[in-house]
N, C-alpha and C. Protein backbone atom coordinates (compact mmCIF):
# COMPACT_ATOMS: atom_id res chain seq x y z
N MET A 1 213.68 -148.31 153.77
CA MET A 1 212.62 -149.08 154.39
C MET A 1 212.41 -148.65 155.84
N LYS A 2 213.54 -148.36 156.54
CA LYS A 2 213.46 -147.95 157.93
C LYS A 2 212.72 -146.61 158.04
N HIS A 3 213.00 -145.69 157.14
CA HIS A 3 212.35 -144.37 157.17
C HIS A 3 210.86 -144.48 156.90
N LEU A 4 210.50 -145.38 156.01
CA LEU A 4 209.08 -145.59 155.71
C LEU A 4 208.35 -146.15 156.93
N GLY A 5 208.99 -147.03 157.66
CA GLY A 5 208.40 -147.60 158.88
C GLY A 5 208.23 -146.53 159.95
N LEU A 6 209.23 -145.66 160.11
CA LEU A 6 209.14 -144.57 161.09
C LEU A 6 208.02 -143.58 160.71
N PHE A 7 207.93 -143.32 159.41
CA PHE A 7 206.86 -142.41 158.94
C PHE A 7 205.50 -143.01 159.24
N ALA A 8 205.29 -144.29 158.94
CA ALA A 8 204.01 -144.97 159.18
C ALA A 8 203.69 -144.99 160.67
N ALA A 9 204.68 -145.23 161.50
CA ALA A 9 204.47 -145.23 162.95
C ALA A 9 204.08 -143.83 163.43
N GLY A 10 204.70 -142.82 162.87
CA GLY A 10 204.38 -141.44 163.24
C GLY A 10 202.96 -141.08 162.85
N VAL A 11 202.54 -141.49 161.66
CA VAL A 11 201.18 -141.21 161.21
C VAL A 11 200.18 -141.94 162.10
N LEU A 12 200.46 -143.20 162.41
CA LEU A 12 199.57 -143.99 163.27
C LEU A 12 199.48 -143.36 164.66
N PHE A 13 200.62 -142.99 165.21
CA PHE A 13 200.63 -142.37 166.55
C PHE A 13 199.89 -141.03 166.53
N GLY A 14 200.09 -140.23 165.48
CA GLY A 14 199.41 -138.95 165.36
C GLY A 14 197.91 -139.11 165.24
N THR A 15 197.48 -140.08 164.45
CA THR A 15 196.04 -140.33 164.28
C THR A 15 195.43 -140.81 165.59
N ALA A 16 196.11 -141.71 166.28
CA ALA A 16 195.60 -142.20 167.56
C ALA A 16 195.58 -141.05 168.57
N GLY A 17 196.60 -140.22 168.54
CA GLY A 17 196.64 -139.08 169.46
C GLY A 17 195.49 -138.13 169.24
N LEU A 18 195.16 -137.86 167.99
CA LEU A 18 194.02 -136.98 167.69
C LEU A 18 192.71 -137.58 168.17
N LYS A 19 192.55 -138.89 167.99
CA LYS A 19 191.33 -139.55 168.46
C LYS A 19 191.23 -139.47 169.97
N ILE A 20 192.35 -139.65 170.66
CA ILE A 20 192.35 -139.58 172.12
C ILE A 20 192.02 -138.16 172.58
N LEU A 21 192.62 -137.17 171.93
CA LEU A 21 192.39 -135.78 172.32
C LEU A 21 190.97 -135.31 172.04
N SER A 22 190.30 -135.94 171.08
CA SER A 22 188.93 -135.52 170.76
C SER A 22 187.88 -136.48 171.32
N SER A 23 188.27 -137.37 172.22
CA SER A 23 187.32 -138.32 172.80
C SER A 23 186.42 -137.62 173.82
N LYS A 24 185.32 -138.30 174.20
CA LYS A 24 184.38 -137.73 175.17
C LYS A 24 185.05 -137.53 176.53
N ASP A 25 185.88 -138.49 176.92
CA ASP A 25 186.58 -138.37 178.21
C ASP A 25 187.52 -137.17 178.22
N ALA A 26 188.21 -136.96 177.13
CA ALA A 26 189.12 -135.81 177.04
C ALA A 26 188.33 -134.51 177.09
N LYS A 27 187.17 -134.49 176.43
CA LYS A 27 186.34 -133.28 176.46
C LYS A 27 185.84 -132.99 177.87
N LYS A 28 185.54 -134.04 178.63
CA LYS A 28 185.14 -133.84 180.03
C LYS A 28 186.28 -133.22 180.83
N VAL A 29 187.48 -133.72 180.59
CA VAL A 29 188.64 -133.16 181.29
C VAL A 29 188.82 -131.70 180.92
N TYR A 30 188.68 -131.37 179.64
CA TYR A 30 188.80 -129.98 179.20
C TYR A 30 187.74 -129.12 179.87
N SER A 31 186.51 -129.63 179.95
CA SER A 31 185.41 -128.86 180.55
C SER A 31 185.66 -128.62 182.04
N HIS A 32 186.10 -129.66 182.75
CA HIS A 32 186.37 -129.51 184.19
C HIS A 32 187.55 -128.57 184.43
N THR A 33 188.55 -128.67 183.59
CA THR A 33 189.70 -127.78 183.73
C THR A 33 189.31 -126.33 183.46
N THR A 34 188.51 -126.11 182.44
CA THR A 34 188.05 -124.76 182.12
C THR A 34 187.18 -124.21 183.24
N ALA A 35 186.31 -125.05 183.82
CA ALA A 35 185.47 -124.61 184.93
C ALA A 35 186.33 -124.22 186.13
N ALA A 36 187.38 -124.99 186.41
CA ALA A 36 188.27 -124.66 187.52
C ALA A 36 188.99 -123.34 187.27
N VAL A 37 189.40 -123.11 186.05
CA VAL A 37 190.07 -121.84 185.71
C VAL A 37 189.11 -120.68 185.89
N LEU A 38 187.86 -120.85 185.48
CA LEU A 38 186.87 -119.77 185.64
C LEU A 38 186.61 -119.48 187.12
N ARG A 39 186.56 -120.53 187.95
CA ARG A 39 186.38 -120.32 189.39
C ARG A 39 187.57 -119.57 189.97
N ALA A 40 188.76 -119.94 189.55
CA ALA A 40 189.96 -119.26 190.03
C ALA A 40 189.94 -117.80 189.60
N LYS A 41 189.51 -117.54 188.38
CA LYS A 41 189.42 -116.16 187.89
C LYS A 41 188.47 -115.35 188.75
N ASP A 42 187.30 -115.93 189.09
CA ASP A 42 186.34 -115.23 189.93
C ASP A 42 186.93 -114.92 191.30
N CYS A 43 187.66 -115.87 191.85
CA CYS A 43 188.29 -115.68 193.16
C CYS A 43 189.33 -114.55 193.09
N VAL A 44 190.14 -114.55 192.05
CA VAL A 44 191.16 -113.51 191.90
C VAL A 44 190.51 -112.14 191.71
N MET A 45 189.45 -112.09 190.92
CA MET A 45 188.78 -110.81 190.69
C MET A 45 188.14 -110.28 191.98
N GLN A 46 187.60 -111.17 192.82
CA GLN A 46 187.04 -110.75 194.10
C GLN A 46 188.14 -110.19 195.01
N THR A 47 189.30 -110.84 195.01
CA THR A 47 190.42 -110.36 195.81
C THR A 47 190.89 -109.00 195.31
N VAL A 48 190.96 -108.82 194.01
CA VAL A 48 191.36 -107.54 193.44
C VAL A 48 190.37 -106.44 193.84
N THR A 49 189.09 -106.75 193.80
CA THR A 49 188.06 -105.78 194.20
C THR A 49 188.23 -105.40 195.67
N ASN A 50 188.47 -106.38 196.53
CA ASN A 50 188.65 -106.09 197.95
C ASN A 50 189.88 -105.22 198.19
N VAL A 51 190.98 -105.53 197.51
CA VAL A 51 192.20 -104.73 197.67
C VAL A 51 191.97 -103.31 197.18
N ARG A 52 191.27 -103.18 196.05
CA ARG A 52 190.98 -101.85 195.50
C ARG A 52 190.13 -101.03 196.48
N GLU A 53 189.11 -101.66 197.07
CA GLU A 53 188.27 -100.95 198.02
C GLU A 53 189.07 -100.53 199.25
N ASP A 54 189.93 -101.42 199.74
CA ASP A 54 190.76 -101.09 200.89
C ASP A 54 191.72 -99.94 200.56
N ALA A 55 192.28 -99.95 199.37
CA ALA A 55 193.19 -98.88 198.96
C ALA A 55 192.45 -97.55 198.88
N GLU A 56 191.21 -97.57 198.40
CA GLU A 56 190.42 -96.34 198.33
C GLU A 56 190.13 -95.81 199.73
N ASP A 57 189.86 -96.70 200.68
CA ASP A 57 189.62 -96.28 202.07
C ASP A 57 190.87 -95.65 202.67
N VAL A 58 192.02 -96.28 202.43
CA VAL A 58 193.29 -95.74 202.95
C VAL A 58 193.56 -94.37 202.34
N TYR A 59 193.31 -94.23 201.04
CA TYR A 59 193.53 -92.95 200.36
C TYR A 59 192.64 -91.86 200.94
N ALA A 60 191.37 -92.20 201.17
CA ALA A 60 190.44 -91.21 201.73
C ALA A 60 190.87 -90.81 203.14
N ASP A 61 191.30 -91.78 203.95
CA ASP A 61 191.78 -91.46 205.30
C ASP A 61 193.02 -90.56 205.25
N ALA A 62 193.92 -90.86 204.33
CA ALA A 62 195.14 -90.05 204.21
C ALA A 62 194.80 -88.61 203.81
N LYS A 63 193.84 -88.45 202.89
CA LYS A 63 193.43 -87.10 202.50
C LYS A 63 192.84 -86.35 203.69
N ASP A 64 192.00 -87.03 204.48
CA ASP A 64 191.41 -86.40 205.67
C ASP A 64 192.50 -85.96 206.65
N ILE A 65 193.48 -86.83 206.87
CA ILE A 65 194.57 -86.50 207.80
C ILE A 65 195.33 -85.27 207.30
N ASN A 66 195.63 -85.22 206.01
CA ASN A 66 196.36 -84.08 205.46
C ASN A 66 195.54 -82.80 205.52
N GLU A 67 194.24 -82.89 205.29
CA GLU A 67 193.38 -81.70 205.38
C GLU A 67 193.33 -81.18 206.81
N ARG A 68 193.20 -82.09 207.79
CA ARG A 68 193.19 -81.66 209.19
C ARG A 68 194.52 -81.05 209.59
N ARG A 69 195.62 -81.65 209.13
CA ARG A 69 196.95 -81.11 209.45
C ARG A 69 197.13 -79.72 208.84
N ALA A 70 196.68 -79.54 207.60
CA ALA A 70 196.80 -78.24 206.94
C ALA A 70 195.95 -77.20 207.67
N ALA A 71 194.75 -77.57 208.09
CA ALA A 71 193.89 -76.64 208.83
C ALA A 71 194.53 -76.27 210.16
N GLN A 72 195.16 -77.25 210.82
CA GLN A 72 195.81 -76.98 212.10
C GLN A 72 197.01 -76.04 211.90
N GLU A 73 197.78 -76.27 210.84
CA GLU A 73 198.92 -75.39 210.56
C GLU A 73 198.46 -73.98 210.22
N ASP A 74 197.35 -73.86 209.48
CA ASP A 74 196.82 -72.53 209.17
C ASP A 74 196.38 -71.82 210.45
N ALA A 75 195.76 -72.55 211.35
CA ALA A 75 195.33 -71.95 212.62
C ALA A 75 196.54 -71.49 213.43
N GLU A 76 197.62 -72.26 213.42
CA GLU A 76 198.83 -71.87 214.16
C GLU A 76 199.47 -70.64 213.53
N VAL A 77 199.46 -70.53 212.21
CA VAL A 77 200.03 -69.36 211.54
C VAL A 77 199.21 -68.13 211.90
N ILE A 78 197.90 -68.25 211.88
CA ILE A 78 197.03 -67.11 212.24
C ILE A 78 197.25 -66.73 213.69
N GLU A 79 197.40 -67.72 214.57
CA GLU A 79 197.62 -67.44 215.99
C GLU A 79 198.95 -66.74 216.19
N ASP A 80 200.00 -67.20 215.48
CA ASP A 80 201.31 -66.55 215.58
C ASP A 80 201.24 -65.12 215.08
N ALA A 81 200.51 -64.89 213.98
CA ALA A 81 200.39 -63.56 213.45
C ALA A 81 199.65 -62.65 214.42
N SER A 82 198.62 -63.19 215.09
CA SER A 82 197.87 -62.40 216.07
C SER A 82 198.75 -62.04 217.25
N GLU A 83 199.59 -62.95 217.72
CA GLU A 83 200.49 -62.68 218.84
C GLU A 83 201.53 -61.62 218.45
N GLU A 84 202.06 -61.68 217.23
CA GLU A 84 203.03 -60.70 216.80
C GLU A 84 202.40 -59.32 216.72
N LYS A 85 201.17 -59.27 216.25
CA LYS A 85 200.49 -57.98 216.15
C LYS A 85 200.22 -57.41 217.53
N ALA A 86 199.85 -58.28 218.47
CA ALA A 86 199.59 -57.82 219.83
C ALA A 86 200.89 -57.33 220.47
N ASP A 87 201.99 -57.96 220.20
CA ASP A 87 203.28 -57.56 220.76
C ASP A 87 203.71 -56.19 220.21
N GLU A 88 203.37 -55.90 218.95
CA GLU A 88 203.74 -54.64 218.33
C GLU A 88 202.95 -53.48 218.93
N GLU A 89 201.77 -53.75 219.42
CA GLU A 89 200.94 -52.66 219.95
C GLU A 89 201.34 -52.37 221.32
């Protein structure tokens, strides 16, 4: 008899729970929560875009620095070679 009472209480609680979860008020809560999540997603995606753009700028600057450094080293090698040739003559 005790088990039958627990089973009936569980069914009643489950049925009431389903009605509460599918009520208009619950649907409003779901809608507002989903809207908040979508806003957060947009904010995160904007931040990711900004970080990506900044990283691309840093990468481009680093490439420019390395190209200038390589050109400067090439000029120094040519200058050293010219001095050695002049010393030999």
